């Protein structure tokens, strides 16, 4: 993908603010991005059933808590439905992400550079993977 190409994403998240945080990761890395928010995978199923040609290329579980049984079960359900190649390794919940959102307009990349934050490294890998189309 060229640096000036427009990424088009369908994002399932709990709020518009969460969507904006996700989009900021791509914009901060220099990419133009447009997104549509859905609130559940059921919304995606409904859109596909209504005839929209949507291909799921990557599902990224975020705010993942590996110690929680429900989180592990949801992750496994996603892998069972979409396959391991389409479901990325989850990004574990990190307080650094929430702190960066409250840090006076700083992005995650500014607030916690990759050399100091595993969360920043994980999100940079996400941006790289989406942009490269892998």
C-alpha atoms as a PDB file:
ATOM      1  CA  UNK A   1       0.000   0.000   0.000  1.00  0.00           C
ATOM      2  CA  UNK A   2       1.285   3.430  -0.898  1.00  0.00           C
ATOM      3  CA  UNK A   3       1.661   5.992   1.894  1.00  0.00           C
ATOM      4  CA  UNK A   4      -0.990   8.233   0.330  1.00  0.00           C
ATOM      5  CA  UNK A   5      -3.601   5.488  -0.218  1.00  0.00           C
ATOM      6  CA  UNK A   6      -6.794   5.813   1.769  1.00  0.00           C
ATOM      7  CA  UNK A   7      -7.344   2.958   4.211  1.00  0.00           C
ATOM      8  CA  UNK A   8     -10.982   1.953   4.566  1.00  0.00           C
ATOM      9  CA  UNK A   9     -11.804   0.143   7.789  1.00  0.00           C
ATOM     10  CA  UNK A  10     -14.844  -1.417   9.377  1.00  0.00           C
ATOM     11  CA  UNK A  11     -14.247  -1.270  13.119  1.00  0.00           C
ATOM     12  CA  UNK A  12     -16.226  -2.937  15.878  1.00  0.00           C
ATOM     13  CA  UNK A  13     -15.830  -0.945  19.056  1.00  0.00           C
ATOM     14  CA  UNK A  14     -17.837   0.216  22.025  1.00  0.00           C
ATOM     15  CA  UNK A  15     -17.868   3.956  21.339  1.00  0.00           C
ATOM     16  CA  UNK A  16     -17.126   6.693  18.837  1.00  0.00           C
ATOM     17  CA  UNK A  17     -14.259   7.789  21.094  1.00  0.00           C
ATOM     18  CA  UNK A  18     -12.721   4.306  20.856  1.00  0.00           C
ATOM     19  CA  UNK A  19     -13.040   4.460  17.072  1.00  0.00           C
ATOM     20  CA  UNK A  20     -11.311   7.844  16.978  1.00  0.00           C
ATOM     21  CA  UNK A  21      -8.465   6.471  19.114  1.00  0.00           C
ATOM     22  CA  UNK A  22      -8.028   3.603  16.674  1.00  0.00           C
ATOM     23  CA  UNK A  23      -8.034   5.921  13.664  1.00  0.00           C
ATOM     24  CA  UNK A  24      -5.507   8.217  15.354  1.00  0.00           C
ATOM     25  CA  UNK A  25      -2.992   5.355  15.331  1.00  0.00           C
ATOM     26  CA  UNK A  26      -3.103   5.230  11.540  1.00  0.00           C
ATOM     27  CA  UNK A  27      -3.172   9.000  11.069  1.00  0.00           C
ATOM     28  CA  UNK A  28      -0.228   9.442  13.443  1.00  0.00           C
ATOM     29  CA  UNK A  29       1.704   6.988  11.295  1.00  0.00           C
ATOM     30  CA  UNK A  30       0.981   9.204   8.265  1.00  0.00           C
ATOM     31  CA  UNK A  31      -1.927   7.358   6.651  1.00  0.00           C
ATOM     32  CA  UNK A  32      -5.234   8.650   5.398  1.00  0.00           C
ATOM     33  CA  UNK A  33      -8.038   6.559   6.867  1.00  0.00           C
ATOM     34  CA  UNK A  34     -11.816   6.336   6.729  1.00  0.00           C
ATOM     35  CA  UNK A  35     -13.855   4.053   8.931  1.00  0.00           C
ATOM     36  CA  UNK A  36     -17.339   2.877   9.648  1.00  0.00           C
ATOM     37  CA  UNK A  37     -18.156   1.765  13.185  1.00  0.00           C
ATOM     38  CA  UNK A  38     -20.142  -1.325  14.013  1.00  0.00           C
ATOM     39  CA  UNK A  39     -20.964  -2.386  17.536  1.00  0.00           C
ATOM     40  CA  UNK A  40     -20.879  -6.151  17.146  1.00  0.00           C
ATOM     41  CA  UNK A  41     -20.034  -8.962  14.781  1.00  0.00           C
ATOM     42  CA  UNK A  42     -23.785  -9.453  14.429  1.00  0.00           C
ATOM     43  CA  UNK A  43     -23.838  -6.063  12.642  1.00  0.00           C
ATOM     44  CA  UNK A  44     -21.243  -7.420  10.219  1.00  0.00           C
ATOM     45  CA  UNK A  45     -23.267 -10.581   9.623  1.00  0.00           C
ATOM     46  CA  UNK A  46     -26.375  -8.448   8.969  1.00  0.00           C
ATOM     47  CA  UNK A  47     -24.508  -6.236   6.499  1.00  0.00           C
ATOM     48  CA  UNK A  48     -23.219  -9.268   4.605  1.00  0.00           C
ATOM     49  CA  UNK A  49     -26.678 -10.871   4.628  1.00  0.00           C
ATOM     50  CA  UNK A  50     -28.100  -7.624   3.189  1.00  0.00           C
ATOM     51  CA  UNK A  51     -25.777  -8.048   0.216  1.00  0.00           C
ATOM     52  CA  UNK A  52     -22.883  -5.741   1.034  1.00  0.00           C
ATOM     53  CA  UNK A  53     -19.646  -7.137  -0.336  1.00  0.00           C
ATOM     54  CA  UNK A  54     -17.516  -7.031   2.793  1.00  0.00           C
ATOM     55  CA  UNK A  55     -14.387  -9.100   3.169  1.00  0.00           C
ATOM     56  CA  UNK A  56     -12.983  -9.518   6.642  1.00  0.00           C
ATOM     57  CA  UNK A  57      -9.229  -9.452   6.227  1.00  0.00           C
ATOM     58  CA  UNK A  58      -8.157  -8.911   9.825  1.00  0.00           C
ATOM     59  CA  UNK A  59      -9.760  -9.087  13.238  1.00  0.00           C
ATOM     60  CA  UNK A  60      -7.759  -7.570  16.059  1.00  0.00           C
ATOM     61  CA  UNK A  61      -8.889  -8.182  19.617  1.00  0.00           C
ATOM     62  CA  UNK A  62      -7.829  -5.252  21.791  1.00  0.00           C
ATOM     63  CA  UNK A  63      -8.006  -4.512  25.502  1.00  0.00           C
ATOM     64  CA  UNK A  64      -7.451  -8.246  25.896  1.00  0.00           C
ATOM     65  CA  UNK A  65      -7.189  -9.685  29.405  1.00  0.00           C
ATOM     66  CA  UNK A  66      -5.624 -13.143  29.040  1.00  0.00           C
ATOM     67  CA  UNK A  67      -6.458 -14.076  32.641  1.00  0.00           C
ATOM     68  CA  UNK A  68     -10.181 -13.698  31.989  1.00  0.00           C
ATOM     69  CA  UNK A  69     -11.916 -16.870  30.857  1.00  0.00           C
ATOM     70  CA  UNK A  70     -14.487 -14.919  28.825  1.00  0.00           C
ATOM     71  CA  UNK A  71     -11.778 -13.018  26.937  1.00  0.00           C
ATOM     72  CA  UNK A  72     -10.013 -16.256  26.036  1.00  0.00           C
ATOM     73  CA  UNK A  73     -13.312 -17.845  24.954  1.00  0.00           C
ATOM     74  CA  UNK A  74     -14.254 -14.868  22.749  1.00  0.00           C
ATOM     75  CA  UNK A  75     -10.814 -14.990  21.157  1.00  0.00           C
ATOM     76  CA  UNK A  76     -11.182 -18.714  20.481  1.00  0.00           C
ATOM     77  CA  UNK A  77     -14.661 -18.168  19.021  1.00  0.00           C
ATOM     78  CA  UNK A  78     -13.219 -15.582  16.614  1.00  0.00           C
ATOM     79  CA  UNK A  79     -10.455 -17.977  15.560  1.00  0.00           C
ATOM     80  CA  UNK A  80     -12.993 -20.779  15.069  1.00  0.00           C
ATOM     81  CA  UNK A  81     -15.248 -18.572  12.920  1.00  0.00           C
ATOM     82  CA  UNK A  82     -12.690 -16.602  10.884  1.00  0.00           C
ATOM     83  CA  UNK A  83      -9.512 -18.697  11.045  1.00  0.00           C
ATOM     84  CA  UNK A  84      -6.163 -18.073  12.688  1.00  0.00           C
ATOM     85  CA  UNK A  85      -4.846 -16.188   9.643  1.00  0.00           C
ATOM     86  CA  UNK A  86      -7.538 -13.518   9.962  1.00  0.00           C
ATOM     87  CA  UNK A  87      -7.500 -13.152  13.745  1.00  0.00           C
ATOM     88  CA  UNK A  88      -4.429 -11.305  14.932  1.00  0.00           C
ATOM     89  CA  UNK A  89      -2.673 -11.908  18.203  1.00  0.00           C
ATOM     90  CA  UNK A  90      -4.647  -9.863  20.757  1.00  0.00           C
ATOM     91  CA  UNK A  91      -3.297  -6.599  22.102  1.00  0.00           C
ATOM     92  CA  UNK A  92      -3.267  -6.894  25.880  1.00  0.00           C
ATOM     93  CA  UNK A  93      -4.946  -4.152  27.870  1.00  0.00           C
ATOM     94  CA  UNK A  94      -2.495  -1.479  28.959  1.00  0.00           C
ATOM     95  CA  UNK A  95      -2.939   1.538  31.183  1.00  0.00           C
ATOM     96  CA  UNK A  96      -0.539   3.434  28.900  1.00  0.00           C
ATOM     97  CA  UNK A  97      -3.223   3.535  26.177  1.00  0.00           C
ATOM     98  CA  UNK A  98      -5.774   5.159  28.487  1.00  0.00           C
ATOM     99  CA  UNK A  99      -3.158   7.544  29.893  1.00  0.00           C
ATOM    100  CA  UNK A 100      -2.148   8.707  26.431  1.00  0.00           C
ATOM    101  CA  UNK A 101      -5.761   9.595  25.641  1.00  0.00           C
ATOM    102  CA  UNK A 102      -5.861  11.846  28.708  1.00  0.00           C
ATOM    103  CA  UNK A 103      -2.418  13.370  28.156  1.00  0.00           C
ATOM    104  CA  UNK A 104      -3.458  16.657  26.626  1.00  0.00           C
ATOM    105  CA  UNK A 105      -3.854  15.526  23.046  1.00  0.00           C
ATOM    106  CA  UNK A 106      -0.755  13.376  22.840  1.00  0.00           C
ATOM    107  CA  UNK A 107      -0.938  10.290  20.703  1.00  0.00           C
ATOM    108  CA  UNK A 108       0.100   6.899  22.012  1.00  0.00           C
ATOM    109  CA  UNK A 109       3.255   7.142  19.900  1.00  0.00           C
ATOM    110  CA  UNK A 110       4.155  10.501  21.461  1.00  0.00           C
ATOM    111  CA  UNK A 111       3.165   9.625  25.022  1.00  0.00           C
ATOM    112  CA  UNK A 112       4.846   6.225  25.190  1.00  0.00           C
ATOM    113  CA  UNK A 113       7.393   5.675  22.401  1.00  0.00           C
ATOM    114  CA  UNK A 114       7.867   2.111  21.219  1.00  0.00           C
ATOM    115  CA  UNK A 115      11.179   1.704  23.005  1.00  0.00           C
ATOM    116  CA  UNK A 116       9.395   2.178  26.347  1.00  0.00           C
ATOM    117  CA  UNK A 117       5.997   0.555  25.786  1.00  0.00           C
ATOM    118  CA  UNK A 118       4.966  -2.929  24.663  1.00  0.00           C
ATOM    119  CA  UNK A 119       1.496  -1.510  23.891  1.00  0.00           C
ATOM    120  CA  UNK A 120       2.959   1.016  21.476  1.00  0.00           C
ATOM    121  CA  UNK A 121       4.984  -1.725  19.797  1.00  0.00           C
ATOM    122  CA  UNK A 122       1.832  -3.852  19.439  1.00  0.00           C
ATOM    123  CA  UNK A 123      -0.155  -0.997  17.910  1.00  0.00           C
ATOM    124  CA  UNK A 124       2.703  -0.116  15.550  1.00  0.00           C
ATOM    125  CA  UNK A 125       2.698  -3.752  14.370  1.00  0.00           C
ATOM    126  CA  UNK A 126      -1.044  -3.407  13.756  1.00  0.00           C
ATOM    127  CA  UNK A 127      -0.551  -0.300  11.621  1.00  0.00           C
ATOM    128  CA  UNK A 128       2.271  -1.977   9.695  1.00  0.00           C
ATOM    129  CA  UNK A 129       0.213  -5.140   9.108  1.00  0.00           C
ATOM    130  CA  UNK A 130      -2.871  -3.287   7.889  1.00  0.00           C
ATOM    131  CA  UNK A 131      -0.878  -0.954   5.660  1.00  0.00           C
ATOM    132  CA  UNK A 132       1.102  -3.825   4.138  1.00  0.00           C
ATOM    133  CA  UNK A 133      -2.063  -5.829   3.520  1.00  0.00           C
ATOM    134  CA  UNK A 134      -0.729  -8.959   5.220  1.00  0.00           C
END
